Amino acid sequence: MSEPNQSGLSDNAAGGLAYITFIPAIIFLIIEPFNKNSFVRFHSWQSIFLSIAWIAVDIVLGIIGRLPFLGLINLFLWPVVGLLFFILWLIVMINAFNGKRFKVPLIGDLAEKQAGA
């Protein structure tokens, strides 16, 4: 269990809260003492990259949905992809709250590089 910072928020809590949306992640990258903590920085960057990945996948699925014949496939694909992203989001958030660094493939390596870990 990590100790609370001057703000009263533990590193584990800050890492988990970074996944709520990309906004707390950006705030944690700006505000001290969180911006100096590699654990919080890693989870903040991973949250941001995960948000970017979700937006990119959403755009691609939107384009596929407009193509003839593939639009019907998209009716089944969109909920499955959404559910998979939701499950991944729960996994990374729970791991962060428990003080673990769960690296999402590809995204985790980028986050680690940005966090300087």
PDB file of N, CA and C in Angstrom:
ATOM      1  N   MET A   1       0.856  -1.179   0.000  1.00  0.00           N
ATOM      2  CA  MET A   1       0.000   0.000   0.000  1.00  0.00           C
ATOM      3  C   MET A   1       0.893   1.230   0.000  1.00  0.00           C
ATOM      4  N   SER A   2       0.604   2.165  -0.883  1.00  0.00           N
ATOM      5  CA  SER A   2       1.428   3.360  -0.954  1.00  0.00           C
ATOM      6  C   SER A   2       0.928   4.403   0.038  1.00  0.00           C
ATOM      7  N   GLU A   3       1.870   5.215   0.456  1.00  0.00           N
ATOM      8  CA  GLU A   3       1.571   6.257   1.434  1.00  0.00           C
ATOM      9  C   GLU A   3       0.942   7.468   0.756  1.00  0.00           C
ATOM     10  N   PRO A   4       0.049   8.172   1.449  1.00  0.00           N
ATOM     11  CA  PRO A   4      -0.545   9.378   0.873  1.00  0.00           C
ATOM     12  C   PRO A   4       0.508  10.474   0.682  1.00  0.00           C
ATOM     13  N   ASN A   5       0.360  11.256  -0.360  1.00  0.00           N
ATOM     14  CA  ASN A   5       1.238  12.392  -0.616  1.00  0.00           C
ATOM     15  C   ASN A   5       0.763  13.577   0.195  1.00  0.00           C
ATOM     16  N   GLN A   6       1.382  14.727  -0.044  1.00  0.00           N
ATOM     17  CA  GLN A   6       0.963  15.955   0.616  1.00  0.00           C
ATOM     18  C   GLN A   6      -0.500  16.261   0.309  1.00  0.00           C
ATOM     19  N   SER A   7      -0.948  15.825  -0.846  1.00  0.00           N
ATOM     20  CA  SER A   7      -2.328  16.095  -1.253  1.00  0.00           C
ATOM     21  C   SER A   7      -3.326  15.189  -0.543  1.00  0.00           C
ATOM     22  N   GLY A   8      -2.827  14.127   0.127  1.00  0.00           N
ATOM     23  CA  GLY A   8      -3.710  13.178   0.783  1.00  0.00           C
ATOM     24  C   GLY A   8      -4.134  12.040  -0.116  1.00  0.00           C
ATOM     25  N   LEU A   9      -3.681  12.043  -1.361  1.00  0.00           N
ATOM     26  CA  LEU A   9      -4.032  11.036  -2.343  1.00  0.00           C
ATOM     27  C   LEU A   9      -2.833  10.103  -2.525  1.00  0.00           C
ATOM     28  N   SER A  10      -3.035   8.802  -2.345  1.00  0.00           N
ATOM     29  CA  SER A  10      -1.938   7.855  -2.501  1.00  0.00           C
ATOM     30  C   SER A  10      -1.585   7.703  -3.978  1.00  0.00           C
ATOM     31  N   ASP A  11      -0.400   7.171  -4.233  1.00  0.00           N
ATOM     32  CA  ASP A  11       0.032   6.938  -5.617  1.00  0.00           C
ATOM     33  C   ASP A  11      -0.897   5.949  -6.314  1.00  0.00           C
ATOM     34  N   ASN A  12      -1.328   4.912  -5.580  1.00  0.00           N
ATOM     35  CA  ASN A  12      -2.239   3.927  -6.163  1.00  0.00           C
ATOM     36  C   ASN A  12      -3.564   4.579  -6.571  1.00  0.00           C
ATOM     37  N   ALA A  13      -4.092   5.428  -5.708  1.00  0.00           N
ATOM     38  CA  ALA A  13      -5.357   6.108  -6.006  1.00  0.00           C
ATOM     39  C   ALA A  13      -5.188   7.041  -7.204  1.00  0.00           C
ATOM     40  N   ALA A  14      -4.085   7.763  -7.250  1.00  0.00           N
ATOM     41  CA  ALA A  14      -3.836   8.667  -8.378  1.00  0.00           C
ATOM     42  C   ALA A  14      -3.689   7.876  -9.677  1.00  0.00           C
ATOM     43  N   GLY A  15      -2.981   6.754  -9.627  1.00  0.00           N
ATOM     44  CA  GLY A  15      -2.828   5.912 -10.814  1.00  0.00           C
ATOM     45  C   GLY A  15      -4.166   5.385 -11.304  1.00  0.00           C
ATOM     46  N   GLY A  16      -5.019   4.961 -10.387  1.00  0.00           N
ATOM     47  CA  GLY A  16      -6.341   4.464 -10.768  1.00  0.00           C
ATOM     48  C   GLY A  16      -7.252   5.555 -11.275  1.00  0.00           C
ATOM     49  N   LEU A  17      -7.214   6.718 -10.630  1.00  0.00           N
ATOM     50  CA  LEU A  17      -8.064   7.833 -11.050  1.00  0.00           C
ATOM     51  C   LEU A  17      -7.661   8.381 -12.415  1.00  0.00           C
ATOM     52  N   ALA A  18      -6.414   8.162 -12.806  1.00  0.00           N
ATOM     53  CA  ALA A  18      -5.957   8.622 -14.123  1.00  0.00           C
ATOM     54  C   ALA A  18      -6.751   7.960 -15.244  1.00  0.00           C
ATOM     55  N   TYR A  19      -7.349   6.805 -14.975  1.00  0.00           N
ATOM     56  CA  TYR A  19      -8.101   6.088 -16.002  1.00  0.00           C
ATOM     57  C   TYR A  19      -9.567   6.515 -16.101  1.00  0.00           C
ATOM     58  N   ILE A  20     -10.054   7.341 -15.185  1.00  0.00           N
ATOM     59  CA  ILE A  20     -11.462   7.742 -15.221  1.00  0.00           C
ATOM     60  C   ILE A  20     -11.771   8.385 -16.571  1.00  0.00           C
ATOM     61  N   THR A  21     -11.000   9.365 -16.974  1.00  0.00           N
ATOM     62  CA  THR A  21     -10.983   9.920 -18.336  1.00  0.00           C
ATOM     63  C   THR A  21      -9.558  10.406 -18.561  1.00  0.00           C
ATOM     64  N   PHE A  22      -9.299  10.983 -19.695  1.00  0.00           N
ATOM     65  CA  PHE A  22      -7.948  11.486 -19.942  1.00  0.00           C
ATOM     66  C   PHE A  22      -7.693  12.794 -19.184  1.00  0.00           C
ATOM     67  N   ILE A  23      -8.735  13.445 -18.691  1.00  0.00           N
ATOM     68  CA  ILE A  23      -8.576  14.731 -18.005  1.00  0.00           C
ATOM     69  C   ILE A  23      -7.793  14.592 -16.692  1.00  0.00           C
ATOM     70  N   PRO A  24      -8.155  13.655 -15.780  1.00  0.00           N
ATOM     71  CA  PRO A  24      -7.319  13.504 -14.585  1.00  0.00           C
ATOM     72  C   PRO A  24      -5.891  13.084 -14.941  1.00  0.00           C
ATOM     73  N   ALA A  25      -5.734  12.305 -16.006  1.00  0.00           N
ATOM     74  CA  ALA A  25      -4.394  11.886 -16.419  1.00  0.00           C
ATOM     75  C   ALA A  25      -3.540  13.102 -16.772  1.00  0.00           C
ATOM     76  N   ILE A  26      -4.122  14.037 -17.510  1.00  0.00           N
ATOM     77  CA  ILE A  26      -3.385  15.253 -17.874  1.00  0.00           C
ATOM     78  C   ILE A  26      -3.091  16.086 -16.631  1.00  0.00           C
ATOM     79  N   ILE A  27      -4.054  16.179 -15.724  1.00  0.00           N
ATOM     80  CA  ILE A  27      -3.851  16.938 -14.487  1.00  0.00           C
ATOM     81  C   ILE A  27      -2.717  16.334 -13.666  1.00  0.00           C
ATOM     82  N   PHE A  28      -2.672  15.000 -13.564  1.00  0.00           N
ATOM     83  CA  PHE A  28      -1.603  14.346 -12.800  1.00  0.00           C
ATOM     84  C   PHE A  28      -0.241  14.542 -13.453  1.00  0.00           C
ATOM     85  N   LEU A  29      -0.203  14.738 -14.754  1.00  0.00           N
ATOM     86  CA  LEU A  29       1.071  14.993 -15.435  1.00  0.00           C
ATOM     87  C   LEU A  29       1.547  16.430 -15.232  1.00  0.00           C
ATOM     88  N   ILE A  30       0.648  17.305 -14.801  1.00  0.00           N
ATOM     89  CA  ILE A  30       0.987  18.718 -14.609  1.00  0.00           C
ATOM     90  C   ILE A  30       1.279  19.046 -13.148  1.00  0.00           C
ATOM     91  N   ILE A  31       0.494  18.483 -12.230  1.00  0.00           N
ATOM     92  CA  ILE A  31       0.539  18.878 -10.818  1.00  0.00           C
ATOM     93  C   ILE A  31       1.577  18.075 -10.037  1.00  0.00           C
ATOM     94  N   GLU A  32       2.333  18.796  -9.209  1.00  0.00           N
ATOM     95  CA  GLU A  32       3.264  18.131  -8.288  1.00  0.00           C
ATOM     96  C   GLU A  32       2.480  17.609  -7.105  1.00  0.00           C
ATOM     97  N   PRO A  33       2.866  16.566  -6.447  1.00  0.00           N
ATOM     98  CA  PRO A  33       4.057  15.736  -6.617  1.00  0.00           C
ATOM     99  C   PRO A  33       3.844  14.592  -7.602  1.00  0.00           C
ATOM    100  N   PHE A  34       2.661  14.508  -8.204  1.00  0.00           N
ATOM    101  CA  PHE A  34       2.338  13.374  -9.072  1.00  0.00           C
ATOM    102  C   PHE A  34       3.166  13.359 -10.345  1.00  0.00           C
ATOM    103  N   ASN A  35       3.516  14.535 -10.864  1.00  0.00           N
ATOM    104  CA  ASN A  35       4.272  14.576 -12.105  1.00  0.00           C
ATOM    105  C   ASN A  35       5.716  14.104 -11.932  1.00  0.00           C
ATOM    106  N   LYS A  36       6.148  13.902 -10.710  1.00  0.00           N
ATOM    107  CA  LYS A  36       7.498  13.397 -10.447  1.00  0.00           C
ATOM    108  C   LYS A  36       7.505  11.901 -10.120  1.00  0.00           C
ATOM    109  N   ASN A  37       6.337  11.307  -9.987  1.00  0.00           N
ATOM    110  CA  ASN A  37       6.215   9.904  -9.614  1.00  0.00           C
ATOM    111  C   ASN A  37       6.064   9.050 -10.874  1.00  0.00           C
ATOM    112  N   SER A  38       6.998   8.117 -11.091  1.00  0.00           N
ATOM    113  CA  SER A  38       6.968   7.334 -12.335  1.00  0.00           C
ATOM    114  C   SER A  38       5.745   6.418 -12.412  1.00  0.00           C
ATOM    115  N   PHE A  39       5.234   5.925 -11.273  1.00  0.00           N
ATOM    116  CA  PHE A  39       4.039   5.073 -11.261  1.00  0.00           C
ATOM    117  C   PHE A  39       2.825   5.845 -11.763  1.00  0.00           C
ATOM    118  N   VAL A  40       2.621   7.036 -11.242  1.00  0.00           N
ATOM    119  CA  VAL A  40       1.481   7.864 -11.632  1.00  0.00           C
ATOM    120  C   VAL A  40       1.652   8.342 -13.077  1.00  0.00           C
ATOM    121  N   ARG A  41       2.881   8.712 -13.442  1.00  0.00           N
ATOM    122  CA  ARG A  41       3.139   9.151 -14.824  1.00  0.00           C
ATOM    123  C   ARG A  41       2.854   8.022 -15.810  1.00  0.00           C
ATOM    124  N   PHE A  42       3.285   6.799 -15.474  1.00  0.00           N
ATOM    125  CA  PHE A  42       3.044   5.653 -16.360  1.00  0.00           C
ATOM    126  C   PHE A  42       1.549   5.459 -16.593  1.00  0.00           C
ATOM    127  N   HIS A  43       0.762   5.431 -15.518  1.00  0.00           N
ATOM    128  CA  HIS A  43      -0.676   5.198 -15.659  1.00  0.00           C
ATOM    129  C   HIS A  43      -1.371   6.378 -16.346  1.00  0.00           C
ATOM    130  N   SER A  44      -0.890   7.586 -16.119  1.00  0.00           N
ATOM    131  CA  SER A  44      -1.466   8.748 -16.798  1.00  0.00           C
ATOM    132  C   SER A  44      -1.222   8.664 -18.298  1.00  0.00           C
ATOM    133  N   TRP A  45       0.006   8.350 -18.680  1.00  0.00           N
ATOM    134  CA  TRP A  45       0.306   8.235 -20.115  1.00  0.00           C
ATOM    135  C   TRP A  45      -0.434   7.058 -20.741  1.00  0.00           C
ATOM    136  N   GLN A  46      -0.509   5.947 -20.046  1.00  0.00           N
ATOM    137  CA  GLN A  46      -1.215   4.797 -20.598  1.00  0.00           C
ATOM    138  C   GLN A  46      -2.701   5.131 -20.777  1.00  0.00           C
ATOM    139  N   SER A  47      -3.275   5.877 -19.849  1.00  0.00           N
ATOM    140  CA  SER A  47      -4.676   6.301 -19.963  1.00  0.00           C
ATOM    141  C   SER A  47      -4.870   7.187 -21.191  1.00  0.00           C
ATOM    142  N   ILE A  48      -3.963   8.112 -21.401  1.00  0.00           N
ATOM    143  CA  ILE A  48      -4.060   9.010 -22.556  1.00  0.00           C
ATOM    144  C   ILE A  48      -3.952   8.214 -23.854  1.00  0.00           C
ATOM    145  N   PHE A  49      -2.972   7.307 -23.932  1.00  0.00           N
ATOM    146  CA  PHE A  49      -2.791   6.507 -25.148  1.00  0.00           C
ATOM    147  C   PHE A  49      -3.968   5.550 -25.373  1.00  0.00           C
ATOM    148  N   LEU A  50      -4.541   5.041 -24.284  1.00  0.00           N
ATOM    149  CA  LEU A  50      -5.714   4.175 -24.407  1.00  0.00           C
ATOM    150  C   LEU A  50      -6.915   4.971 -24.942  1.00  0.00           C
ATOM    151  N   SER A  51      -7.058   6.210 -24.504  1.00  0.00           N
ATOM    152  CA  SER A  51      -8.124   7.080 -25.010  1.00  0.00           C
ATOM    153  C   SER A  51      -7.935   7.361 -26.496  1.00  0.00           C
ATOM    154  N   ILE A  52      -6.694   7.621 -26.894  1.00  0.00           N
ATOM    155  CA  ILE A  52      -6.400   7.871 -28.308  1.00  0.00           C
ATOM    156  C   ILE A  52      -6.706   6.621 -29.134  1.00  0.00           C
ATOM    157  N   ALA A  53      -6.332   5.450 -28.613  1.00  0.00           N
ATOM    158  CA  ALA A  53      -6.604   4.192 -29.330  1.00  0.00           C
ATOM    159  C   ALA A  53      -8.106   3.982 -29.488  1.00  0.00           C
ATOM    160  N   TRP A  54      -8.878   4.266 -28.435  1.00  0.00           N
ATOM    161  CA  TRP A  54     -10.327   4.092 -28.517  1.00  0.00           C
ATOM    162  C   TRP A  54     -10.928   5.029 -29.568  1.00  0.00           C
ATOM    163  N   ILE A  55     -10.459   6.279 -29.604  1.00  0.00           N
ATOM    164  CA  ILE A  55     -10.960   7.240 -30.590  1.00  0.00           C
ATOM    165  C   ILE A  55     -10.619   6.771 -32.001  1.00  0.00           C
ATOM    166  N   ALA A  56      -9.388   6.275 -32.193  1.00  0.00           N
ATOM    167  CA  ALA A  56      -8.977   5.785 -33.512  1.00  0.00           C
ATOM    168  C   ALA A  56      -9.826   4.593 -33.950  1.00  0.00           C
ATOM    169  N   VAL A  57     -10.059   3.647 -33.040  1.00  0.00           N
ATOM    170  CA  VAL A  57     -10.886   2.481 -33.357  1.00  0.00           C
ATOM    171  C   VAL A  57     -12.319   2.913 -33.653  1.00  0.00           C
ATOM    172  N   ASP A  58     -12.825   3.868 -32.911  1.00  0.00           N
ATOM    173  CA  ASP A  58     -14.176   4.379 -33.128  1.00  0.00           C
ATOM    174  C   ASP A  58     -14.308   5.013 -34.517  1.00  0.00           C
ATOM    175  N   ILE A  59     -13.307   5.766 -34.921  1.00  0.00           N
ATOM    176  CA  ILE A  59     -13.319   6.385 -36.246  1.00  0.00           C
ATOM    177  C   ILE A  59     -13.283   5.317 -37.337  1.00  0.00           C
ATOM    178  N   VAL A  60     -12.406   4.318 -37.169  1.00  0.00           N
ATOM    179  CA  VAL A  60     -12.309   3.244 -38.162  1.00  0.00           C
ATOM    180  C   VAL A  60     -13.627   2.483 -38.267  1.00  0.00           C
ATOM    181  N   LEU A  61     -14.222   2.163 -37.132  1.00  0.00           N
ATOM    182  CA  LEU A  61     -15.507   1.465 -37.156  1.00  0.00           C
ATOM    183  C   LEU A  61     -16.603   2.330 -37.786  1.00  0.00           C
ATOM    184  N   GLY A  62     -16.533   3.634 -37.568  1.00  0.00           N
ATOM    185  CA  GLY A  62     -17.493   4.537 -38.193  1.00  0.00           C
ATOM    186  C   GLY A  62     -17.357   4.552 -39.706  1.00  0.00           C
ATOM    187  N   ILE A  63     -16.113   4.501 -40.185  1.00  0.00           N
ATOM    188  CA  ILE A  63     -15.871   4.460 -41.634  1.00  0.00           C
ATOM    189  C   ILE A  63     -16.338   3.126 -42.207  1.00  0.00           C
ATOM    190  N   ILE A  64     -16.010   2.035 -41.518  1.00  0.00           N
ATOM    191  CA  ILE A  64     -16.429   0.706 -41.980  1.00  0.00           C
ATOM    192  C   ILE A  64     -17.956   0.622 -42.027  1.00  0.00           C
ATOM    193  N   GLY A  65     -18.615   1.247 -41.074  1.00  0.00           N
ATOM    194  CA  GLY A  65     -20.071   1.215 -41.022  1.00  0.00           C
ATOM    195  C   GLY A  65     -20.739   1.888 -42.203  1.00  0.00           C
ATOM    196  N   ARG A  66     -20.036   2.760 -42.871  1.00  0.00           N
ATOM    197  CA  ARG A  66     -20.597   3.471 -44.019  1.00  0.00           C
ATOM    198  C   ARG A  66     -20.354   2.737 -45.343  1.00  0.00           C
ATOM    199  N   LEU A  67     -19.524   1.696 -45.320  1.00  0.00           N
ATOM    200  CA  LEU A  67     -19.251   0.944 -46.543  1.00  0.00           C
ATOM    201  C   LEU A  67     -20.373  -0.046 -46.822  1.00  0.00           C
ATOM    202  N   PRO A  68     -20.711  -0.233 -48.097  1.00  0.00           N
ATOM    203  CA  PRO A  68     -21.774  -1.192 -48.430  1.00  0.00           C
ATOM    204  C   PRO A  68     -21.408  -2.609 -47.967  1.00  0.00           C
ATOM    205  N   PHE A  69     -22.338  -3.315 -47.480  1.00  0.00           N
ATOM    206  CA  PHE A  69     -22.240  -4.698 -47.004  1.00  0.00           C
ATOM    207  C   PHE A  69     -21.450  -4.833 -45.699  1.00  0.00           C
ATOM    208  N   LEU A  70     -20.418  -4.029 -45.497  1.00  0.00           N
ATOM    209  CA  LEU A  70     -19.658  -4.106 -44.254  1.00  0.00           C
ATOM    210  C   LEU A  70     -20.399  -3.430 -43.104  1.00  0.00           C
ATOM    211  N   GLY A  71     -21.345  -2.581 -43.443  1.00  0.00           N
ATOM    212  CA  GLY A  71     -22.129  -1.910 -42.416  1.00  0.00           C
ATOM    213  C   GLY A  71     -22.884  -2.886 -41.535  1.00  0.00           C
ATOM    214  N   LEU A  72     -23.354  -3.981 -42.124  1.00  0.00           N
ATOM    215  CA  LEU A  72     -24.066  -5.004 -41.340  1.00  0.00           C
ATOM    216  C   LEU A  72     -23.130  -5.732 -40.385  1.00  0.00           C
ATOM    217  N   ILE A  73     -21.911  -5.976 -40.831  1.00  0.00           N
ATOM    218  CA  ILE A  73     -20.909  -6.611 -39.957  1.00  0.00           C
ATOM    219  C   ILE A  73     -20.607  -5.690 -38.775  1.00  0.00           C
ATOM    220  N   ASN A  74     -20.608  -4.406 -39.070  1.00  0.00           N
ATOM    221  CA  ASN A  74     -20.302  -3.417 -38.044  1.00  0.00           C
ATOM    222  C   ASN A  74     -21.345  -3.397 -36.927  1.00  0.00           C
ATOM    223  N   LEU A  75     -22.575  -3.772 -37.227  1.00  0.00           N
ATOM    224  CA  LEU A  75     -23.610  -3.842 -36.194  1.00  0.00           C
ATOM    225  C   LEU A  75     -23.228  -4.823 -35.087  1.00  0.00           C
ATOM    226  N   PHE A  76     -22.530  -5.875 -35.454  1.00  0.00           N
ATOM    227  CA  PHE A  76     -22.091  -6.875 -34.475  1.00  0.00           C
ATOM    228  C   PHE A  76     -20.701  -6.556 -33.933  1.00  0.00           C
ATOM    229  N   LEU A  77     -19.867  -5.936 -34.765  1.00  0.00           N
ATOM    230  CA  LEU A  77     -18.483  -5.656 -34.384  1.00  0.00           C
ATOM    231  C   LEU A  77     -18.380  -4.546 -33.343  1.00  0.00           C
ATOM    232  N   TRP A  78     -19.167  -3.490 -33.512  1.00  0.00           N
ATOM    233  CA  TRP A  78     -19.077  -2.331 -32.628  1.00  0.00           C
ATOM    234  C   TRP A  78     -19.339  -2.686 -31.158  1.00  0.00           C
ATOM    235  N   PRO A  79     -20.398  -3.414 -30.824  1.00  0.00           N
ATOM    236  CA  PRO A  79     -20.611  -3.765 -29.410  1.00  0.00           C
ATOM    237  C   PRO A  79     -19.512  -4.675 -28.843  1.00  0.00           C
ATOM    238  N   VAL A  80     -18.994  -5.580 -29.650  1.00  0.00           N
ATOM    239  CA  VAL A  80     -17.941  -6.489 -29.181  1.00  0.00           C
ATOM    240  C   VAL A  80     -16.666  -5.703 -28.884  1.00  0.00           C
ATOM    241  N   VAL A  81     -16.280  -4.818 -29.795  1.00  0.00           N
ATOM    242  CA  VAL A  81     -15.081  -4.000 -29.590  1.00  0.00           C
ATOM    243  C   VAL A  81     -15.276  -3.082 -28.382  1.00  0.00           C
ATOM    244  N   GLY A  82     -16.455  -2.497 -28.253  1.00  0.00           N
ATOM    245  CA  GLY A  82     -16.749  -1.649 -27.100  1.00  0.00           C
ATOM    246  C   GLY A  82     -16.643  -2.409 -25.784  1.00  0.00           C
ATOM    247  N   LEU A  83     -17.161  -3.633 -25.769  1.00  0.00           N
ATOM    248  CA  LEU A  83     -17.078  -4.466 -24.568  1.00  0.00           C
ATOM    249  C   LEU A  83     -15.628  -4.821 -24.242  1.00  0.00           C
ATOM    250  N   LEU A  84     -14.841  -5.127 -25.260  1.00  0.00           N
ATOM    251  CA  LEU A  84     -13.426  -5.455 -25.043  1.00  0.00           C
ATOM    252  C   LEU A  84     -12.655  -4.260 -24.481  1.00  0.00           C
ATOM    253  N   PHE A  85     -12.922  -3.069 -25.010  1.00  0.00           N
ATOM    254  CA  PHE A  85     -12.270  -1.869 -24.473  1.00  0.00           C
ATOM    255  C   PHE A  85     -12.716  -1.609 -23.033  1.00  0.00           C
ATOM    256  N   PHE A  86     -13.986  -1.846 -22.728  1.00  0.00           N
ATOM    257  CA  PHE A  86     -14.488  -1.660 -21.364  1.00  0.00           C
ATOM    258  C   PHE A  86     -13.801  -2.623 -20.393  1.00  0.00           C
ATOM    259  N   ILE A  87     -13.662  -3.878 -20.787  1.00  0.00           N
ATOM    260  CA  ILE A  87     -12.992  -4.871 -19.943  1.00  0.00           C
ATOM    261  C   ILE A  87     -11.528  -4.496 -19.738  1.00  0.00           C
ATOM    262  N   LEU A  88     -10.857  -4.065 -20.810  1.00  0.00           N
ATOM    263  CA  LEU A  88      -9.465  -3.632 -20.706  1.00  0.00           C
ATOM    264  C   LEU A  88      -9.343  -2.439 -19.771  1.00  0.00           C
ATOM    265  N   TRP A  89     -10.276  -1.497 -19.878  1.00  0.00           N
ATOM    266  CA  TRP A  89     -10.280  -0.317 -19.012  1.00  0.00           C
ATOM    267  C   TRP A  89     -10.417  -0.724 -17.545  1.00  0.00           C
ATOM    268  N   LEU A  90     -11.322  -1.673 -17.253  1.00  0.00           N
ATOM    269  CA  LEU A  90     -11.483  -2.158 -15.877  1.00  0.00           C
ATOM    270  C   LEU A  90     -10.205  -2.825 -15.368  1.00  0.00           C
ATOM    271  N   ILE A  91      -9.578  -3.626 -16.225  1.00  0.00           N
ATOM    272  CA  ILE A  91      -8.353  -4.339 -15.833  1.00  0.00           C
ATOM    273  C   ILE A  91      -7.240  -3.361 -15.473  1.00  0.00           C
ATOM    274  N   VAL A  92      -6.999  -2.360 -16.340  1.00  0.00           N
ATOM    275  CA  VAL A  92      -5.900  -1.424 -16.056  1.00  0.00           C
ATOM    276  C   VAL A  92      -6.210  -0.561 -14.836  1.00  0.00           C
ATOM    277  N   MET A  93      -7.470  -0.180 -14.662  1.00  0.00           N
ATOM    278  CA  MET A  93      -7.826   0.652 -13.518  1.00  0.00           C
ATOM    279  C   MET A  93      -7.696  -0.132 -12.208  1.00  0.00           C
ATOM    280  N   ILE A  94      -8.175  -1.353 -12.177  1.00  0.00           N
ATOM    281  CA  ILE A  94      -8.076  -2.172 -10.960  1.00  0.00           C
ATOM    282  C   ILE A  94      -6.611  -2.444 -10.616  1.00  0.00           C
ATOM    283  N   ASN A  95      -5.806  -2.748 -11.629  1.00  0.00           N
ATOM    284  CA  ASN A  95      -4.380  -2.972 -11.378  1.00  0.00           C
ATOM    285  C   ASN A  95      -3.698  -1.726 -10.834  1.00  0.00           C
ATOM    286  N   ALA A  96      -4.045  -0.559 -11.358  1.00  0.00           N
ATOM    287  CA  ALA A  96      -3.455   0.687 -10.866  1.00  0.00           C
ATOM    288  C   ALA A  96      -3.851   0.935  -9.416  1.00  0.00           C
ATOM    289  N   PHE A  97      -5.123   0.729  -9.087  1.00  0.00           N
ATOM    290  CA  PHE A  97      -5.564   0.911  -7.702  1.00  0.00           C
ATOM    291  C   PHE A  97      -4.873  -0.070  -6.755  1.00  0.00           C
ATOM    292  N   ASN A  98      -4.467  -1.226  -7.273  1.00  0.00           N
ATOM    293  CA  ASN A  98      -3.760  -2.224  -6.458  1.00  0.00           C
ATOM    294  C   ASN A  98      -2.244  -2.056  -6.492  1.00  0.00           C
ATOM    295  N   GLY A  99      -1.751  -0.998  -7.120  1.00  0.00           N
ATOM    296  CA  GLY A  99      -0.324  -0.704  -7.117  1.00  0.00           C
ATOM    297  C   GLY A  99       0.485  -1.494  -8.131  1.00  0.00           C
ATOM    298  N   LYS A 100      -0.164  -2.038  -9.157  1.00  0.00           N
ATOM    299  CA  LYS A 100       0.538  -2.834 -10.161  1.00  0.00           C
ATOM    300  C   LYS A 100       0.644  -2.053 -11.467  1.00  0.00           C
ATOM    301  N   ARG A 101       1.714  -2.332 -12.195  1.00  0.00           N
ATOM    302  CA  ARG A 101       1.892  -1.759 -13.536  1.00  0.00           C
ATOM    303  C   ARG A 101       1.486  -2.804 -14.552  1.00  0.00           C
ATOM    304  N   PHE A 102       0.262  -2.749 -14.997  1.00  0.00           N
ATOM    305  CA  PHE A 102      -0.203  -3.652 -16.047  1.00  0.00           C
ATOM    306  C   PHE A 102      -0.005  -2.933 -17.369  1.00  0.00           C
ATOM    307  N   LYS A 103       0.859  -3.489 -18.212  1.00  0.00           N
ATOM    308  CA  LYS A 103       1.153  -2.852 -19.490  1.00  0.00           C
ATOM    309  C   LYS A 103       0.253  -3.413 -20.580  1.00  0.00           C
ATOM    310  N   VAL A 104      -0.519  -2.531 -21.205  1.00  0.00           N
ATOM    311  CA  VAL A 104      -1.313  -2.902 -22.369  1.00  0.00           C
ATOM    312  C   VAL A 104      -0.330  -3.080 -23.523  1.00  0.00           C
ATOM    313  N   PRO A 105      -0.456  -4.151 -24.323  1.00  0.00           N
ATOM    314  CA  PRO A 105       0.475  -4.332 -25.442  1.00  0.00           C
ATOM    315  C   PRO A 105       0.540  -3.078 -26.332  1.00  0.00           C
ATOM    316  N   LEU A 106       1.726  -2.744 -26.756  1.00  0.00           N
ATOM    317  CA  LEU A 106       2.052  -1.566 -27.579  1.00  0.00           C
ATOM    318  C   LEU A 106       1.883  -0.263 -26.819  1.00  0.00           C
ATOM    319  N   ILE A 107       0.725  -0.047 -26.266  1.00  0.00           N
ATOM    320  CA  ILE A 107       0.443   1.201 -25.551  1.00  0.00           C
ATOM    321  C   ILE A 107       1.285   1.300 -24.276  1.00  0.00           C
ATOM    322  N   GLY A 108       1.439   0.191 -23.571  1.00  0.00           N
ATOM    323  CA  GLY A 108       2.203   0.180 -22.328  1.00  0.00           C
ATOM    324  C   GLY A 108       3.660   0.540 -22.537  1.00  0.00           C
ATOM    325  N   ASP A 109       4.239   0.080 -23.645  1.00  0.00           N
ATOM    326  CA  ASP A 109       5.634   0.420 -23.938  1.00  0.00           C
ATOM    327  C   ASP A 109       5.794   1.911 -24.219  1.00  0.00           C
ATOM    328  N   LEU A 110       4.847   2.474 -24.951  1.00  0.00           N
ATOM    329  CA  LEU A 110       4.874   3.916 -25.204  1.00  0.00           C
ATOM    330  C   LEU A 110       4.726   4.710 -23.894  1.00  0.00           C
ATOM    331  N   ALA A 111       3.817   4.255 -23.054  1.00  0.00           N
ATOM    332  CA  ALA A 111       3.579   4.925 -21.765  1.00  0.00           C
ATOM    333  C   ALA A 111       4.827   4.850 -20.889  1.00  0.00           C
ATOM    334  N   GLU A 112       5.471   3.700 -20.887  1.00  0.00           N
ATOM    335  CA  GLU A 112       6.686   3.525 -20.088  1.00  0.00           C
ATOM    336  C   GLU A 112       7.797   4.445 -20.568  1.00  0.00           C
ATOM    337  N   LYS A 113       7.896   4.583 -21.871  1.00  0.00           N
ATOM    338  CA  LYS A 113       8.907   5.475 -22.456  1.00  0.00           C
ATOM    339  C   LYS A 113       8.622   6.919 -22.087  1.00  0.00           C
ATOM    340  N   GLN A 114       7.360   7.339 -22.167  1.00  0.00           N
ATOM    341  CA  GLN A 114       6.986   8.717 -21.838  1.00  0.00           C
ATOM    342  C   GLN A 114       7.146   8.997 -20.344  1.00  0.00           C
ATOM    343  N   ALA A 115       6.882   7.996 -19.515  1.00  0.00           N
ATOM    344  CA  ALA A 115       6.978   8.177 -18.063  1.00  0.00           C
ATOM    345  C   ALA A 115       8.424   8.189 -17.593  1.00  0.00           C
ATOM    346  N   GLY A 116       9.324   7.730 -18.447  1.00  0.00           N
ATOM    347  CA  GLY A 116      10.730   7.660 -18.060  1.00  0.00           C
ATOM    348  C   GLY A 116      10.996   6.554 -17.071  1.00  0.00           C
ATOM    349  N   ALA A 117      10.169   5.505 -17.118  1.00  0.00           N
ATOM    350  CA  ALA A 117      10.306   4.394 -16.163  1.00  0.00           C
ATOM    351  C   ALA A 117      11.331   3.392 -16.639  1.00  0.00           C
TER     352      ALA A 117
END
